[in-house]
N, C-alpha and C. Protein backbone atom coordinates (compact mmCIF):
# COMPACT_ATOMS: atom_id res chain seq x y z
N MET A 1 -6.43 10.31 25.99
CA MET A 1 -7.01 9.62 24.87
C MET A 1 -6.50 8.18 24.88
N THR A 2 -7.42 7.25 24.65
CA THR A 2 -7.05 5.84 24.61
C THR A 2 -6.32 5.53 23.32
N GLN A 3 -5.27 4.75 23.43
CA GLN A 3 -4.51 4.34 22.26
C GLN A 3 -5.32 3.32 21.47
N LEU A 4 -5.51 3.55 20.20
CA LEU A 4 -6.17 2.58 19.33
C LEU A 4 -5.11 1.86 18.53
N SER A 5 -5.17 0.57 18.51
CA SER A 5 -4.25 -0.20 17.70
C SER A 5 -4.94 -1.51 17.35
N GLY A 6 -4.27 -2.29 16.55
CA GLY A 6 -4.81 -3.60 16.27
C GLY A 6 -5.75 -3.66 15.09
N PHE A 7 -5.76 -2.64 14.23
CA PHE A 7 -6.57 -2.72 13.03
C PHE A 7 -5.82 -2.07 11.88
N HIS A 8 -6.30 -2.36 10.68
CA HIS A 8 -5.69 -1.81 9.47
C HIS A 8 -6.79 -1.53 8.45
N ILE A 9 -6.68 -0.42 7.74
CA ILE A 9 -7.52 -0.16 6.57
C ILE A 9 -6.61 0.31 5.44
N MET A 10 -7.03 0.01 4.22
CA MET A 10 -6.28 0.47 3.05
C MET A 10 -6.94 1.74 2.54
N LEU A 11 -6.11 2.72 2.19
CA LEU A 11 -6.60 4.01 1.72
C LEU A 11 -6.20 4.23 0.26
N PRO A 12 -7.02 4.97 -0.48
CA PRO A 12 -6.66 5.29 -1.87
C PRO A 12 -5.43 6.20 -1.91
N PRO A 13 -4.77 6.29 -3.06
CA PRO A 13 -3.65 7.23 -3.20
C PRO A 13 -4.11 8.66 -2.89
N GLY A 14 -3.25 9.42 -2.23
CA GLY A 14 -3.56 10.81 -1.91
C GLY A 14 -4.24 11.01 -0.57
N TRP A 15 -4.53 9.92 0.14
CA TRP A 15 -5.17 10.02 1.45
C TRP A 15 -4.12 9.97 2.56
N SER A 16 -4.42 10.63 3.67
CA SER A 16 -3.54 10.62 4.84
C SER A 16 -4.36 10.39 6.10
N ARG A 17 -3.63 9.96 7.13
CA ARG A 17 -4.23 9.79 8.45
C ARG A 17 -3.65 10.86 9.37
N TYR A 18 -4.51 11.49 10.15
CA TYR A 18 -4.09 12.47 11.16
C TYR A 18 -4.62 12.03 12.51
N ARG A 19 -3.73 11.95 13.50
CA ARG A 19 -4.18 11.72 14.87
C ARG A 19 -4.88 12.98 15.35
N VAL A 20 -5.92 12.82 16.12
CA VAL A 20 -6.62 13.97 16.67
C VAL A 20 -5.96 14.33 18.00
N ASP A 21 -4.82 15.00 17.86
CA ASP A 21 -4.06 15.52 18.99
C ASP A 21 -3.33 16.77 18.50
N ASP A 22 -2.51 17.38 19.35
CA ASP A 22 -1.83 18.62 18.96
C ASP A 22 -0.94 18.44 17.74
N GLU A 23 -0.19 17.34 17.70
CA GLU A 23 0.71 17.10 16.57
C GLU A 23 -0.08 16.90 15.27
N GLY A 24 -1.16 16.13 15.34
CA GLY A 24 -2.00 15.92 14.16
C GLY A 24 -2.61 17.22 13.67
N ARG A 25 -3.05 18.05 14.61
CA ARG A 25 -3.63 19.35 14.23
C ARG A 25 -2.59 20.21 13.51
N LYS A 26 -1.37 20.22 14.04
CA LYS A 26 -0.30 21.00 13.40
C LYS A 26 -0.01 20.49 11.99
N GLN A 27 0.07 19.18 11.83
CA GLN A 27 0.32 18.60 10.51
C GLN A 27 -0.80 18.94 9.54
N PHE A 28 -2.04 18.79 10.00
CA PHE A 28 -3.18 19.08 9.13
C PHE A 28 -3.22 20.56 8.75
N THR A 29 -3.01 21.44 9.73
CA THR A 29 -3.04 22.88 9.46
C THR A 29 -1.94 23.27 8.49
N SER A 30 -0.77 22.67 8.63
CA SER A 30 0.34 22.95 7.72
C SER A 30 0.00 22.51 6.30
N ARG A 31 -0.58 21.33 6.16
CA ARG A 31 -0.96 20.83 4.83
C ARG A 31 -2.06 21.71 4.24
N LEU A 32 -3.03 22.12 5.07
CA LEU A 32 -4.11 22.99 4.60
C LEU A 32 -3.56 24.33 4.14
N ALA A 33 -2.63 24.90 4.91
CA ALA A 33 -2.03 26.19 4.54
C ALA A 33 -1.31 26.09 3.20
N ALA A 34 -0.61 24.99 2.98
CA ALA A 34 0.09 24.81 1.70
C ALA A 34 -0.90 24.73 0.54
N ARG A 35 -2.01 24.02 0.75
CA ARG A 35 -3.03 23.92 -0.31
C ARG A 35 -3.66 25.28 -0.59
N MET A 36 -3.93 26.05 0.46
CA MET A 36 -4.56 27.36 0.29
C MET A 36 -3.60 28.34 -0.39
N LYS A 37 -2.30 28.16 -0.14
CA LYS A 37 -1.31 29.02 -0.80
C LYS A 37 -1.34 28.79 -2.31
N GLU A 38 -1.54 27.53 -2.71
CA GLU A 38 -1.65 27.20 -4.13
C GLU A 38 -2.86 27.88 -4.76
N VAL A 39 -3.95 27.97 -4.01
CA VAL A 39 -5.19 28.57 -4.51
C VAL A 39 -5.05 30.09 -4.62
N ALA A 40 -4.21 30.66 -3.78
CA ALA A 40 -3.94 32.11 -3.78
C ALA A 40 -5.20 32.94 -3.56
N ASN A 41 -5.97 32.55 -2.54
CA ASN A 41 -7.17 33.29 -2.18
C ASN A 41 -7.13 33.50 -0.66
N PRO A 42 -6.59 34.64 -0.19
CA PRO A 42 -6.42 34.86 1.25
C PRO A 42 -7.73 34.77 2.04
N GLU A 43 -8.82 35.24 1.47
CA GLU A 43 -10.10 35.19 2.17
C GLU A 43 -10.54 33.74 2.39
N LEU A 44 -10.40 32.92 1.35
CA LEU A 44 -10.73 31.50 1.47
C LEU A 44 -9.80 30.82 2.46
N ASP A 45 -8.53 31.19 2.46
CA ASP A 45 -7.55 30.63 3.39
C ASP A 45 -8.00 30.86 4.83
N VAL A 46 -8.37 32.08 5.16
CA VAL A 46 -8.80 32.41 6.52
C VAL A 46 -10.06 31.62 6.88
N ARG A 47 -11.01 31.57 5.97
CA ARG A 47 -12.26 30.86 6.24
C ARG A 47 -12.01 29.36 6.44
N MET A 48 -11.18 28.77 5.60
CA MET A 48 -10.89 27.34 5.73
C MET A 48 -10.17 27.03 7.04
N ARG A 49 -9.25 27.89 7.45
CA ARG A 49 -8.55 27.67 8.72
C ARG A 49 -9.52 27.76 9.90
N MET A 50 -10.45 28.71 9.83
CA MET A 50 -11.44 28.85 10.91
C MET A 50 -12.35 27.62 10.95
N LEU A 51 -12.82 27.17 9.79
CA LEU A 51 -13.66 25.97 9.74
C LEU A 51 -12.90 24.75 10.24
N ALA A 52 -11.64 24.62 9.84
CA ALA A 52 -10.83 23.48 10.27
C ALA A 52 -10.60 23.50 11.77
N ALA A 53 -10.34 24.67 12.34
CA ALA A 53 -10.12 24.77 13.79
C ALA A 53 -11.38 24.38 14.55
N GLY A 54 -12.53 24.82 14.08
CA GLY A 54 -13.79 24.46 14.73
C GLY A 54 -14.07 22.98 14.62
N ARG A 55 -13.83 22.42 13.45
CA ARG A 55 -14.07 20.99 13.25
C ARG A 55 -13.11 20.16 14.10
N TRP A 56 -11.86 20.62 14.24
CA TRP A 56 -10.87 19.89 15.04
C TRP A 56 -11.31 19.83 16.50
N LYS A 57 -11.85 20.94 17.01
CA LYS A 57 -12.36 20.95 18.39
C LYS A 57 -13.49 19.95 18.56
N GLU A 58 -14.39 19.89 17.58
CA GLU A 58 -15.49 18.92 17.64
C GLU A 58 -14.94 17.49 17.67
N LEU A 59 -13.93 17.22 16.87
CA LEU A 59 -13.33 15.89 16.85
C LEU A 59 -12.72 15.54 18.21
N GLU A 60 -12.00 16.50 18.80
CA GLU A 60 -11.41 16.27 20.12
C GLU A 60 -12.48 16.00 21.17
N GLN A 61 -13.55 16.79 21.14
CA GLN A 61 -14.61 16.64 22.14
C GLN A 61 -15.38 15.33 21.99
N SER A 62 -15.43 14.80 20.77
CA SER A 62 -16.17 13.56 20.55
C SER A 62 -15.34 12.31 20.85
N GLY A 63 -14.08 12.50 21.21
CA GLY A 63 -13.23 11.36 21.51
C GLY A 63 -12.67 10.68 20.26
N THR A 64 -12.70 11.37 19.15
CA THR A 64 -12.17 10.82 17.91
C THR A 64 -10.67 10.60 18.04
N HIS A 65 -10.21 9.47 17.60
CA HIS A 65 -8.79 9.12 17.68
C HIS A 65 -8.02 9.61 16.47
N SER A 66 -8.54 9.33 15.28
CA SER A 66 -7.86 9.68 14.04
C SER A 66 -8.88 10.07 12.98
N ILE A 67 -8.39 10.82 12.00
CA ILE A 67 -9.22 11.18 10.86
C ILE A 67 -8.42 10.90 9.59
N TYR A 68 -9.10 10.35 8.61
CA TYR A 68 -8.50 10.02 7.32
C TYR A 68 -9.18 10.89 6.26
N LEU A 69 -8.38 11.43 5.33
CA LEU A 69 -8.97 12.22 4.25
C LEU A 69 -8.02 12.37 3.09
N ALA A 70 -8.60 12.72 1.94
CA ALA A 70 -7.80 12.96 0.74
C ALA A 70 -7.23 14.37 0.85
N ASP A 71 -5.91 14.47 0.92
CA ASP A 71 -5.30 15.79 1.11
C ASP A 71 -4.14 16.06 0.16
N ARG A 72 -3.94 15.19 -0.82
CA ARG A 72 -2.88 15.40 -1.80
C ARG A 72 -3.44 15.13 -3.19
N GLN A 73 -2.98 15.92 -4.15
CA GLN A 73 -3.37 15.71 -5.54
C GLN A 73 -2.62 14.49 -6.09
N VAL A 74 -3.33 13.66 -6.80
CA VAL A 74 -2.74 12.52 -7.49
C VAL A 74 -3.18 12.62 -8.94
N ASP A 75 -2.21 12.64 -9.85
CA ASP A 75 -2.55 12.77 -11.27
C ASP A 75 -3.58 11.73 -11.69
N GLY A 76 -4.62 12.19 -12.35
CA GLY A 76 -5.65 11.30 -12.86
C GLY A 76 -6.74 10.96 -11.87
N LEU A 77 -6.61 11.41 -10.62
CA LEU A 77 -7.64 11.13 -9.62
C LEU A 77 -8.28 12.42 -9.15
N ALA A 78 -9.59 12.43 -9.13
CA ALA A 78 -10.32 13.57 -8.57
C ALA A 78 -10.73 13.20 -7.15
N HIS A 79 -10.51 14.10 -6.22
CA HIS A 79 -10.87 13.83 -4.83
C HIS A 79 -12.12 14.60 -4.44
N LEU A 80 -12.98 13.93 -3.75
CA LEU A 80 -14.15 14.57 -3.17
C LEU A 80 -13.82 14.91 -1.72
N PRO A 81 -14.52 15.88 -1.14
CA PRO A 81 -14.22 16.26 0.25
C PRO A 81 -14.81 15.26 1.25
N ILE A 82 -14.24 14.08 1.27
CA ILE A 82 -14.70 13.01 2.16
C ILE A 82 -13.76 12.94 3.36
N SER A 83 -14.32 12.76 4.55
CA SER A 83 -13.48 12.50 5.72
C SER A 83 -14.00 11.23 6.39
N LEU A 84 -13.11 10.54 7.06
CA LEU A 84 -13.44 9.29 7.74
C LEU A 84 -12.79 9.35 9.12
N ALA A 85 -13.61 9.38 10.16
CA ALA A 85 -13.11 9.49 11.53
C ALA A 85 -13.31 8.16 12.25
N VAL A 86 -12.39 7.84 13.18
CA VAL A 86 -12.51 6.61 13.96
C VAL A 86 -12.38 6.93 15.44
N ARG A 87 -13.19 6.25 16.22
CA ARG A 87 -13.09 6.37 17.67
C ARG A 87 -13.49 5.05 18.30
N GLN A 88 -13.06 4.88 19.52
CA GLN A 88 -13.42 3.69 20.27
C GLN A 88 -14.81 3.91 20.86
N HIS A 89 -15.60 2.83 20.90
CA HIS A 89 -16.93 2.92 21.52
C HIS A 89 -17.07 1.78 22.51
N VAL A 90 -17.53 2.11 23.70
CA VAL A 90 -17.81 1.11 24.72
C VAL A 90 -19.27 1.28 25.11
N ALA A 91 -20.05 0.24 24.89
CA ALA A 91 -21.47 0.28 25.26
C ALA A 91 -21.60 0.27 26.78
N PRO A 92 -22.69 0.80 27.30
CA PRO A 92 -22.90 0.78 28.75
C PRO A 92 -22.93 -0.66 29.29
N ALA A 93 -22.67 -0.81 30.57
CA ALA A 93 -22.70 -2.12 31.21
C ALA A 93 -24.03 -2.81 30.91
N GLY A 94 -23.95 -4.07 30.56
CA GLY A 94 -25.15 -4.85 30.27
C GLY A 94 -25.69 -4.67 28.86
N VAL A 95 -25.02 -3.87 28.05
CA VAL A 95 -25.46 -3.62 26.67
C VAL A 95 -24.37 -4.10 25.72
N ILE A 96 -24.76 -4.87 24.70
CA ILE A 96 -23.75 -5.33 23.74
C ILE A 96 -23.41 -4.19 22.77
N PHE A 97 -22.26 -4.32 22.13
CA PHE A 97 -21.75 -3.29 21.22
C PHE A 97 -22.78 -2.89 20.17
N ALA A 98 -23.39 -3.86 19.51
CA ALA A 98 -24.35 -3.56 18.43
C ALA A 98 -25.50 -2.70 18.93
N ASP A 99 -26.02 -3.00 20.11
CA ASP A 99 -27.11 -2.19 20.66
C ASP A 99 -26.61 -0.82 21.08
N GLY A 100 -25.39 -0.75 21.56
CA GLY A 100 -24.81 0.54 21.93
C GLY A 100 -24.60 1.43 20.72
N VAL A 101 -24.25 0.83 19.58
CA VAL A 101 -24.06 1.59 18.34
C VAL A 101 -25.39 2.18 17.89
N GLN A 102 -26.47 1.41 18.02
CA GLN A 102 -27.79 1.91 17.59
C GLN A 102 -28.14 3.20 18.32
N ALA A 103 -27.67 3.37 19.54
CA ALA A 103 -27.95 4.59 20.30
C ALA A 103 -27.20 5.81 19.75
N LEU A 104 -26.22 5.59 18.87
CA LEU A 104 -25.44 6.70 18.31
C LEU A 104 -26.11 7.39 17.13
N THR A 105 -27.15 6.77 16.58
CA THR A 105 -27.76 7.29 15.36
C THR A 105 -29.27 7.12 15.36
N ARG A 106 -29.94 7.97 14.63
CA ARG A 106 -31.38 7.82 14.43
C ARG A 106 -31.67 6.91 13.24
N ALA A 107 -30.67 6.70 12.41
CA ALA A 107 -30.84 5.87 11.21
C ALA A 107 -30.86 4.39 11.61
N PRO A 108 -31.55 3.58 10.83
CA PRO A 108 -31.51 2.14 11.11
C PRO A 108 -30.10 1.59 10.89
N VAL A 109 -29.70 0.67 11.75
CA VAL A 109 -28.38 0.05 11.66
C VAL A 109 -28.54 -1.35 11.09
N ASP A 110 -27.85 -1.60 9.97
CA ASP A 110 -27.86 -2.93 9.36
C ASP A 110 -26.65 -3.70 9.82
N SER A 111 -26.80 -5.01 9.92
CA SER A 111 -25.68 -5.88 10.24
C SER A 111 -25.35 -6.69 8.99
N ILE A 112 -24.11 -6.57 8.54
CA ILE A 112 -23.67 -7.24 7.32
C ILE A 112 -22.67 -8.32 7.71
N ASP A 113 -22.96 -9.56 7.33
CA ASP A 113 -22.04 -10.66 7.62
C ASP A 113 -20.82 -10.55 6.73
N SER A 114 -19.65 -10.79 7.32
CA SER A 114 -18.40 -10.74 6.56
C SER A 114 -17.44 -11.78 7.10
N ALA A 115 -16.33 -11.94 6.41
CA ALA A 115 -15.32 -12.92 6.83
C ALA A 115 -14.73 -12.59 8.20
N ILE A 116 -14.78 -11.31 8.60
CA ILE A 116 -14.21 -10.93 9.90
C ILE A 116 -15.28 -10.78 10.98
N GLY A 117 -16.51 -11.16 10.66
CA GLY A 117 -17.61 -11.02 11.61
C GLY A 117 -18.58 -9.97 11.13
N PRO A 118 -19.62 -9.72 11.92
CA PRO A 118 -20.62 -8.75 11.49
C PRO A 118 -20.06 -7.33 11.43
N ILE A 119 -20.45 -6.61 10.39
CA ILE A 119 -20.12 -5.20 10.25
C ILE A 119 -21.43 -4.44 10.38
N LEU A 120 -21.48 -3.49 11.28
CA LEU A 120 -22.66 -2.65 11.43
C LEU A 120 -22.52 -1.46 10.50
N ARG A 121 -23.62 -1.09 9.82
CA ARG A 121 -23.56 0.03 8.87
C ARG A 121 -24.87 0.81 8.93
N TRP A 122 -24.75 2.12 8.91
CA TRP A 122 -25.91 2.99 8.86
C TRP A 122 -25.59 4.20 7.99
N GLN A 123 -26.63 4.88 7.55
CA GLN A 123 -26.44 6.02 6.65
C GLN A 123 -27.56 7.02 6.86
N GLY A 124 -27.22 8.30 6.82
CA GLY A 124 -28.20 9.36 6.94
C GLY A 124 -27.73 10.60 6.21
N GLU A 125 -28.63 11.54 6.02
CA GLU A 125 -28.29 12.80 5.37
C GLU A 125 -28.89 13.95 6.16
N LYS A 126 -28.17 15.07 6.15
CA LYS A 126 -28.64 16.25 6.86
C LYS A 126 -28.27 17.48 6.05
N GLY A 127 -29.26 18.34 5.84
CA GLY A 127 -29.02 19.59 5.13
C GLY A 127 -28.29 20.58 6.01
N GLY A 128 -27.50 21.43 5.38
CA GLY A 128 -26.74 22.43 6.11
C GLY A 128 -27.61 23.60 6.56
N GLU A 129 -27.10 24.32 7.55
CA GLU A 129 -27.78 25.50 8.09
C GLU A 129 -26.75 26.60 8.28
N GLY A 130 -27.20 27.83 8.24
CA GLY A 130 -26.29 28.96 8.47
C GLY A 130 -25.20 29.01 7.42
N ASP A 131 -23.93 28.97 7.88
CA ASP A 131 -22.78 29.03 6.96
C ASP A 131 -22.74 27.87 5.98
N THR A 132 -23.39 26.76 6.33
CA THR A 132 -23.35 25.59 5.45
C THR A 132 -24.66 25.37 4.70
N ALA A 133 -25.53 26.38 4.67
CA ALA A 133 -26.78 26.27 3.91
C ALA A 133 -26.43 25.99 2.45
N GLY A 134 -27.19 25.10 1.83
CA GLY A 134 -26.93 24.73 0.44
C GLY A 134 -25.99 23.55 0.31
N ILE A 135 -25.53 23.02 1.44
CA ILE A 135 -24.65 21.85 1.43
C ILE A 135 -25.30 20.77 2.29
N THR A 136 -25.47 19.61 1.73
CA THR A 136 -26.00 18.46 2.46
C THR A 136 -24.83 17.54 2.76
N THR A 137 -24.88 16.89 3.92
CA THR A 137 -23.82 15.93 4.27
C THR A 137 -24.44 14.55 4.44
N ARG A 138 -23.91 13.61 3.68
CA ARG A 138 -24.27 12.21 3.87
C ARG A 138 -23.30 11.65 4.89
N THR A 139 -23.83 11.05 5.93
CA THR A 139 -23.02 10.42 6.97
C THR A 139 -23.20 8.92 6.87
N ILE A 140 -22.09 8.21 6.84
CA ILE A 140 -22.11 6.76 6.76
C ILE A 140 -21.31 6.24 7.94
N GLY A 141 -21.91 5.39 8.74
CA GLY A 141 -21.24 4.86 9.92
C GLY A 141 -21.01 3.37 9.81
N TYR A 142 -19.95 2.93 10.48
CA TYR A 142 -19.57 1.51 10.48
C TYR A 142 -19.14 1.14 11.89
N GLY A 143 -19.56 0.00 12.36
CA GLY A 143 -19.15 -0.48 13.67
C GLY A 143 -18.53 -1.86 13.58
N PHE A 144 -17.41 -2.03 14.27
CA PHE A 144 -16.70 -3.30 14.30
C PHE A 144 -16.49 -3.68 15.76
N ALA A 145 -17.16 -4.72 16.22
CA ALA A 145 -16.99 -5.18 17.60
C ALA A 145 -15.62 -5.83 17.74
N VAL A 146 -14.96 -5.57 18.86
CA VAL A 146 -13.67 -6.20 19.12
C VAL A 146 -13.91 -7.70 19.32
N PRO A 147 -13.21 -8.55 18.57
CA PRO A 147 -13.43 -9.99 18.73
C PRO A 147 -12.89 -10.47 20.08
N ASP A 148 -13.55 -11.48 20.60
CA ASP A 148 -13.11 -12.12 21.84
C ASP A 148 -12.98 -11.14 23.00
N ALA A 149 -13.82 -10.12 23.04
CA ALA A 149 -13.81 -9.17 24.16
C ALA A 149 -15.07 -9.43 24.98
N ASP A 150 -15.44 -8.48 25.80
CA ASP A 150 -16.62 -8.64 26.65
C ASP A 150 -17.93 -8.37 25.91
N GLY A 151 -17.85 -8.12 24.60
CA GLY A 151 -19.05 -7.87 23.80
C GLY A 151 -19.52 -6.43 23.80
N ARG A 152 -18.86 -5.55 24.57
CA ARG A 152 -19.29 -4.15 24.67
C ARG A 152 -18.40 -3.20 23.90
N ARG A 153 -17.23 -3.63 23.49
CA ARG A 153 -16.23 -2.72 22.92
C ARG A 153 -16.09 -2.90 21.41
N GLY A 154 -15.72 -1.79 20.78
CA GLY A 154 -15.48 -1.86 19.35
C GLY A 154 -15.02 -0.52 18.81
N LEU A 155 -14.89 -0.45 17.51
CA LEU A 155 -14.50 0.78 16.83
C LEU A 155 -15.67 1.27 15.99
N VAL A 156 -15.84 2.58 15.98
CA VAL A 156 -16.86 3.22 15.16
C VAL A 156 -16.16 4.16 14.18
N PHE A 157 -16.40 3.95 12.91
CA PHE A 157 -15.90 4.82 11.85
C PHE A 157 -17.08 5.63 11.33
N THR A 158 -16.88 6.92 11.15
CA THR A 158 -17.93 7.78 10.63
C THR A 158 -17.38 8.56 9.44
N ALA A 159 -18.00 8.36 8.29
CA ALA A 159 -17.60 9.08 7.07
C ALA A 159 -18.57 10.23 6.85
N ALA A 160 -18.02 11.36 6.43
CA ALA A 160 -18.83 12.53 6.07
C ALA A 160 -18.57 12.83 4.59
N VAL A 161 -19.66 12.88 3.83
CA VAL A 161 -19.57 13.18 2.40
C VAL A 161 -20.42 14.42 2.14
N PRO A 162 -19.81 15.61 2.21
CA PRO A 162 -20.59 16.83 1.94
C PRO A 162 -20.72 17.06 0.44
N TYR A 163 -21.88 17.57 0.04
CA TYR A 163 -22.08 17.87 -1.38
C TYR A 163 -23.07 19.02 -1.51
N PRO A 164 -22.93 19.81 -2.58
CA PRO A 164 -23.85 20.93 -2.78
C PRO A 164 -25.24 20.41 -3.15
N ASP A 165 -26.26 21.08 -2.67
CA ASP A 165 -27.62 20.71 -3.05
C ASP A 165 -27.71 20.72 -4.56
N GLY A 166 -28.36 19.72 -5.11
CA GLY A 166 -28.49 19.62 -6.56
C GLY A 166 -27.34 18.89 -7.23
N ALA A 167 -26.41 18.32 -6.44
CA ALA A 167 -25.28 17.59 -7.01
C ALA A 167 -25.77 16.34 -7.73
N ASP A 168 -24.98 15.88 -8.67
CA ASP A 168 -25.29 14.68 -9.44
C ASP A 168 -25.36 13.48 -8.48
N PRO A 169 -26.51 12.78 -8.41
CA PRO A 169 -26.62 11.63 -7.51
C PRO A 169 -25.56 10.56 -7.77
N ALA A 170 -25.11 10.41 -9.01
CA ALA A 170 -24.07 9.42 -9.31
C ALA A 170 -22.76 9.77 -8.60
N LEU A 171 -22.46 11.05 -8.47
CA LEU A 171 -21.26 11.49 -7.77
C LEU A 171 -21.36 11.15 -6.28
N ILE A 172 -22.52 11.40 -5.70
CA ILE A 172 -22.73 11.12 -4.27
C ILE A 172 -22.67 9.62 -4.02
N ASP A 173 -23.33 8.85 -4.89
CA ASP A 173 -23.30 7.39 -4.74
C ASP A 173 -21.89 6.84 -4.96
N GLY A 174 -21.13 7.45 -5.88
CA GLY A 174 -19.74 7.03 -6.09
C GLY A 174 -18.89 7.27 -4.86
N ALA A 175 -19.10 8.41 -4.19
CA ALA A 175 -18.37 8.70 -2.96
C ALA A 175 -18.73 7.70 -1.88
N THR A 176 -20.01 7.34 -1.81
CA THR A 176 -20.46 6.35 -0.83
C THR A 176 -19.81 5.00 -1.12
N GLU A 177 -19.76 4.62 -2.38
CA GLU A 177 -19.11 3.36 -2.77
C GLU A 177 -17.63 3.36 -2.40
N LEU A 178 -16.97 4.51 -2.59
CA LEU A 178 -15.56 4.61 -2.23
C LEU A 178 -15.37 4.34 -0.74
N VAL A 179 -16.20 4.97 0.08
CA VAL A 179 -16.09 4.77 1.53
C VAL A 179 -16.39 3.32 1.88
N ASP A 180 -17.44 2.74 1.28
CA ASP A 180 -17.74 1.33 1.53
C ASP A 180 -16.54 0.45 1.15
N SER A 181 -15.89 0.77 0.04
CA SER A 181 -14.73 -0.01 -0.41
C SER A 181 -13.57 0.10 0.58
N ILE A 182 -13.34 1.30 1.09
CA ILE A 182 -12.29 1.48 2.10
C ILE A 182 -12.60 0.62 3.32
N MET A 183 -13.84 0.68 3.78
CA MET A 183 -14.20 -0.04 5.00
C MET A 183 -14.21 -1.55 4.79
N GLU A 184 -14.39 -2.01 3.56
CA GLU A 184 -14.30 -3.45 3.28
C GLU A 184 -12.88 -3.97 3.50
N THR A 185 -11.90 -3.08 3.53
CA THR A 185 -10.51 -3.50 3.75
C THR A 185 -10.17 -3.60 5.24
N PHE A 186 -11.09 -3.21 6.12
CA PHE A 186 -10.83 -3.24 7.56
C PHE A 186 -10.47 -4.66 7.99
N ARG A 187 -9.41 -4.76 8.76
CA ARG A 187 -9.00 -6.03 9.35
C ARG A 187 -8.44 -5.77 10.73
N TRP A 188 -8.78 -6.69 11.65
CA TRP A 188 -8.12 -6.68 12.96
C TRP A 188 -6.74 -7.28 12.77
N ARG A 189 -5.80 -6.81 13.53
CA ARG A 189 -4.44 -7.38 13.46
C ARG A 189 -4.31 -8.49 14.46
């Protein structure tokens, strides 16, 4: 796995970062087990561990470097099940980063001018199937080209905001705003 460094984002209280490696998996599983022990539902505990193990494999296979999520209770704050994953992206030879990012999604990619350069952003939704029927996931992606590089390299952040069908649209939009706010803090070091 390529080492990612040289950037910073600010996270809300109660959020943690996990590297997508063996140590990160152990830390995440330990934190999940502690939360499930509080709930005192063994069946839910088993199901959550199975879902987490499957999701962790997907993250490893996709080349994800780290995942950020709300995993601690903070008095006065309600957490939604939002995750934010980051990975390095290198566009094919002869293709600039922005065009390479467009190949990652079917959604239109917008370019937003900012003080640190253009930020690429896209958004889509997909309904669940099978075990996840009744749950829709809003995916929000962000691309940041590495400054002063060959124009092909950058970081891609992907946020997942799952919600039950029929959820209050204000709640979903609030979660999207939270992710946008986190990504507005992105800075290269």
